[in-house]
Each structure stands twice: as structure tokens, then as C-alpha cells.
Amino acid sequence: MNKVSVMEEIDALTDIYCTDCLVIRDLRKTRGKTGAHLFCIKQCTVGEQLQFLGKELMKVKDGME
């Protein structure tokens, strides 16, 4: 994988799942922004995938391939 493909995959995931997420919208009302963020990081499968992609992005060389 190269940086561009990883970034495109991250963008696609956030556009498809995170932009209009009803769960996040409800959690922001009930738990606040921090509580909603913690849900995304620890419990959401999309959040787990985004974390994985972020780690993959850090492994790729700095140059845009």
C-alpha cells in the first residue's frame, strides 16, 4: 500500500460511514463530544478500521508513492 491509497481509503470510510452517523450525533447529545469520540475509538468497527489504516499510513515511507 502507498500513502495515497491509504488516505483515499480513509477518506472513503469517513465519507460513507462517519459523515452522517446517527449514533455519533446521538452520543454527542447524551455523552458530549469526548464521550462520542471515545465510542468511535473503542467500540465502533469503522473506528477500529480507521485506526488500522492510520497505523499503516505511519509505516509507509514519507514520500508520496
N, C-alpha and C. Protein backbone atom coordinates (compact mmCIF):
# COMPACT_ATOMS: atom_id res chain seq x y z
N MET A 1 0.84 -1.20 0.00
CA MET A 1 0.00 0.00 0.00
C MET A 1 0.87 1.25 0.00
N ASN A 2 0.43 2.26 -0.71
CA ASN A 2 1.14 3.52 -0.68
C ASN A 2 0.30 4.56 0.06
N LYS A 3 0.89 5.70 0.38
CA LYS A 3 0.22 6.72 1.17
C LYS A 3 -1.07 7.19 0.52
N VAL A 4 -1.04 7.39 -0.76
CA VAL A 4 -2.22 7.92 -1.45
C VAL A 4 -3.39 6.95 -1.35
N SER A 5 -3.14 5.67 -1.56
CA SER A 5 -4.23 4.70 -1.49
C SER A 5 -4.77 4.57 -0.07
N VAL A 6 -3.90 4.65 0.93
CA VAL A 6 -4.35 4.59 2.32
C VAL A 6 -5.20 5.81 2.65
N MET A 7 -4.74 6.99 2.23
CA MET A 7 -5.50 8.21 2.50
C MET A 7 -6.84 8.20 1.78
N GLU A 8 -6.87 7.67 0.56
CA GLU A 8 -8.13 7.57 -0.18
C GLU A 8 -9.10 6.63 0.54
N GLU A 9 -8.58 5.53 1.07
CA GLU A 9 -9.42 4.59 1.80
C GLU A 9 -9.97 5.22 3.08
N ILE A 10 -9.14 5.98 3.78
CA ILE A 10 -9.58 6.68 4.99
C ILE A 10 -10.68 7.68 4.64
N ASP A 11 -10.47 8.45 3.59
CA ASP A 11 -11.48 9.42 3.14
C ASP A 11 -12.79 8.74 2.78
N ALA A 12 -12.69 7.62 2.08
CA ALA A 12 -13.89 6.90 1.67
C ALA A 12 -14.66 6.39 2.89
N LEU A 13 -13.95 5.82 3.85
CA LEU A 13 -14.61 5.32 5.06
C LEU A 13 -15.32 6.43 5.82
N THR A 14 -14.63 7.55 6.01
CA THR A 14 -15.26 8.65 6.75
C THR A 14 -16.43 9.24 5.99
N ASP A 15 -16.31 9.35 4.66
CA ASP A 15 -17.42 9.88 3.86
C ASP A 15 -18.63 8.96 3.91
N ILE A 16 -18.41 7.66 3.82
CA ILE A 16 -19.52 6.71 3.77
C ILE A 16 -20.16 6.52 5.14
N TYR A 17 -19.34 6.32 6.17
CA TYR A 17 -19.88 5.91 7.46
C TYR A 17 -19.94 7.00 8.53
N CYS A 18 -19.01 7.93 8.53
CA CYS A 18 -18.89 8.85 9.66
C CYS A 18 -19.61 10.18 9.47
N THR A 19 -19.71 10.64 8.25
CA THR A 19 -20.27 11.97 8.00
C THR A 19 -21.69 12.10 8.50
N ASP A 20 -22.55 11.16 8.21
CA ASP A 20 -23.95 11.23 8.62
C ASP A 20 -24.30 10.18 9.67
N CYS A 21 -23.35 9.85 10.53
CA CYS A 21 -23.56 8.80 11.53
C CYS A 21 -24.57 9.25 12.58
N LEU A 22 -25.67 8.54 12.66
CA LEU A 22 -26.72 8.87 13.63
C LEU A 22 -26.28 8.53 15.05
N VAL A 23 -25.48 7.49 15.20
CA VAL A 23 -25.00 7.10 16.53
C VAL A 23 -24.15 8.21 17.12
N ILE A 24 -23.24 8.73 16.34
CA ILE A 24 -22.35 9.79 16.81
C ILE A 24 -23.16 11.03 17.16
N ARG A 25 -24.13 11.35 16.34
CA ARG A 25 -24.97 12.52 16.58
C ARG A 25 -25.70 12.38 17.91
N ASP A 26 -26.26 11.20 18.18
CA ASP A 26 -26.96 10.97 19.44
C ASP A 26 -26.01 10.97 20.63
N LEU A 27 -24.85 10.34 20.46
CA LEU A 27 -23.88 10.30 21.56
C LEU A 27 -23.35 11.68 21.91
N ARG A 28 -23.20 12.54 20.93
CA ARG A 28 -22.76 13.92 21.22
C ARG A 28 -23.77 14.63 22.10
N LYS A 29 -25.06 14.34 21.88
CA LYS A 29 -26.10 14.97 22.71
C LYS A 29 -26.10 14.40 24.12
N THR A 30 -25.91 13.08 24.24
CA THR A 30 -26.02 12.45 25.55
C THR A 30 -24.70 12.41 26.33
N ARG A 31 -23.59 12.14 25.66
CA ARG A 31 -22.30 12.00 26.34
C ARG A 31 -21.35 13.16 26.11
N GLY A 32 -21.68 14.02 25.15
CA GLY A 32 -20.77 15.10 24.80
C GLY A 32 -19.80 14.66 23.72
N LYS A 33 -19.02 15.61 23.26
CA LYS A 33 -18.09 15.34 22.16
C LYS A 33 -17.03 14.32 22.54
N THR A 34 -16.51 14.41 23.76
CA THR A 34 -15.48 13.48 24.20
C THR A 34 -16.03 12.06 24.31
N GLY A 35 -17.22 11.92 24.88
CA GLY A 35 -17.83 10.59 25.00
C GLY A 35 -18.10 9.96 23.65
N ALA A 36 -18.54 10.77 22.70
CA ALA A 36 -18.79 10.27 21.35
C ALA A 36 -17.48 9.85 20.70
N HIS A 37 -16.44 10.63 20.89
CA HIS A 37 -15.13 10.31 20.33
C HIS A 37 -14.60 9.00 20.92
N LEU A 38 -14.76 8.82 22.21
CA LEU A 38 -14.31 7.58 22.85
C LEU A 38 -15.06 6.38 22.30
N PHE A 39 -16.34 6.53 22.01
CA PHE A 39 -17.10 5.44 21.39
C PHE A 39 -16.48 5.08 20.05
N CYS A 40 -16.18 6.08 19.25
CA CYS A 40 -15.60 5.83 17.92
C CYS A 40 -14.27 5.09 18.03
N ILE A 41 -13.46 5.48 18.99
CA ILE A 41 -12.13 4.89 19.14
C ILE A 41 -12.19 3.46 19.68
N LYS A 42 -13.06 3.23 20.67
CA LYS A 42 -13.01 1.96 21.39
C LYS A 42 -14.06 0.94 20.98
N GLN A 43 -15.21 1.37 20.42
CA GLN A 43 -16.29 0.43 20.18
C GLN A 43 -16.74 0.33 18.73
N CYS A 44 -16.53 1.35 17.95
CA CYS A 44 -17.02 1.36 16.57
C CYS A 44 -16.08 0.57 15.66
N THR A 45 -16.64 -0.30 14.84
CA THR A 45 -15.82 -1.10 13.93
C THR A 45 -15.17 -0.23 12.85
N VAL A 46 -15.85 0.81 12.45
CA VAL A 46 -15.27 1.73 11.47
C VAL A 46 -14.08 2.46 12.10
N GLY A 47 -14.24 2.85 13.36
CA GLY A 47 -13.14 3.50 14.08
C GLY A 47 -11.93 2.59 14.20
N GLU A 48 -12.18 1.31 14.44
CA GLU A 48 -11.08 0.34 14.50
C GLU A 48 -10.36 0.25 13.16
N GLN A 49 -11.14 0.24 12.09
CA GLN A 49 -10.55 0.18 10.74
C GLN A 49 -9.74 1.44 10.46
N LEU A 50 -10.25 2.60 10.88
CA LEU A 50 -9.53 3.85 10.68
C LEU A 50 -8.22 3.86 11.47
N GLN A 51 -8.24 3.30 12.66
CA GLN A 51 -7.00 3.21 13.45
C GLN A 51 -5.99 2.31 12.75
N PHE A 52 -6.46 1.19 12.22
CA PHE A 52 -5.58 0.28 11.49
C PHE A 52 -4.95 1.00 10.30
N LEU A 53 -5.78 1.72 9.54
CA LEU A 53 -5.27 2.43 8.36
C LEU A 53 -4.28 3.53 8.77
N GLY A 54 -4.53 4.18 9.88
CA GLY A 54 -3.61 5.19 10.38
C GLY A 54 -2.25 4.59 10.70
N LYS A 55 -2.26 3.41 11.31
CA LYS A 55 -1.01 2.73 11.61
C LYS A 55 -0.30 2.31 10.33
N GLU A 56 -1.06 1.87 9.34
CA GLU A 56 -0.47 1.51 8.04
C GLU A 56 0.14 2.74 7.38
N LEU A 57 -0.53 3.86 7.52
CA LEU A 57 -0.03 5.11 6.94
C LEU A 57 1.31 5.50 7.56
N MET A 58 1.46 5.24 8.84
CA MET A 58 2.71 5.58 9.52
C MET A 58 3.86 4.66 9.08
N LYS A 59 3.54 3.45 8.62
CA LYS A 59 4.56 2.51 8.17
C LYS A 59 5.12 2.87 6.79
N VAL A 60 4.31 3.53 5.96
CA VAL A 60 4.71 3.85 4.61
C VAL A 60 5.75 4.96 4.63
N LYS A 61 6.69 4.90 3.72
CA LYS A 61 7.73 5.92 3.62
C LYS A 61 7.10 7.30 3.48
N ASP A 62 7.85 8.33 3.84
CA ASP A 62 7.36 9.70 3.81
C ASP A 62 7.03 10.20 2.41
N GLY A 63 7.72 9.75 1.40
CA GLY A 63 7.48 10.21 0.04
C GLY A 63 6.14 9.72 -0.49
N MET A 64 5.48 10.55 -1.27
CA MET A 64 4.22 10.17 -1.89
C MET A 64 4.52 9.21 -3.04
N GLU A 65 4.07 8.00 -2.90
CA GLU A 65 4.41 6.97 -3.90
C GLU A 65 3.30 6.81 -4.89
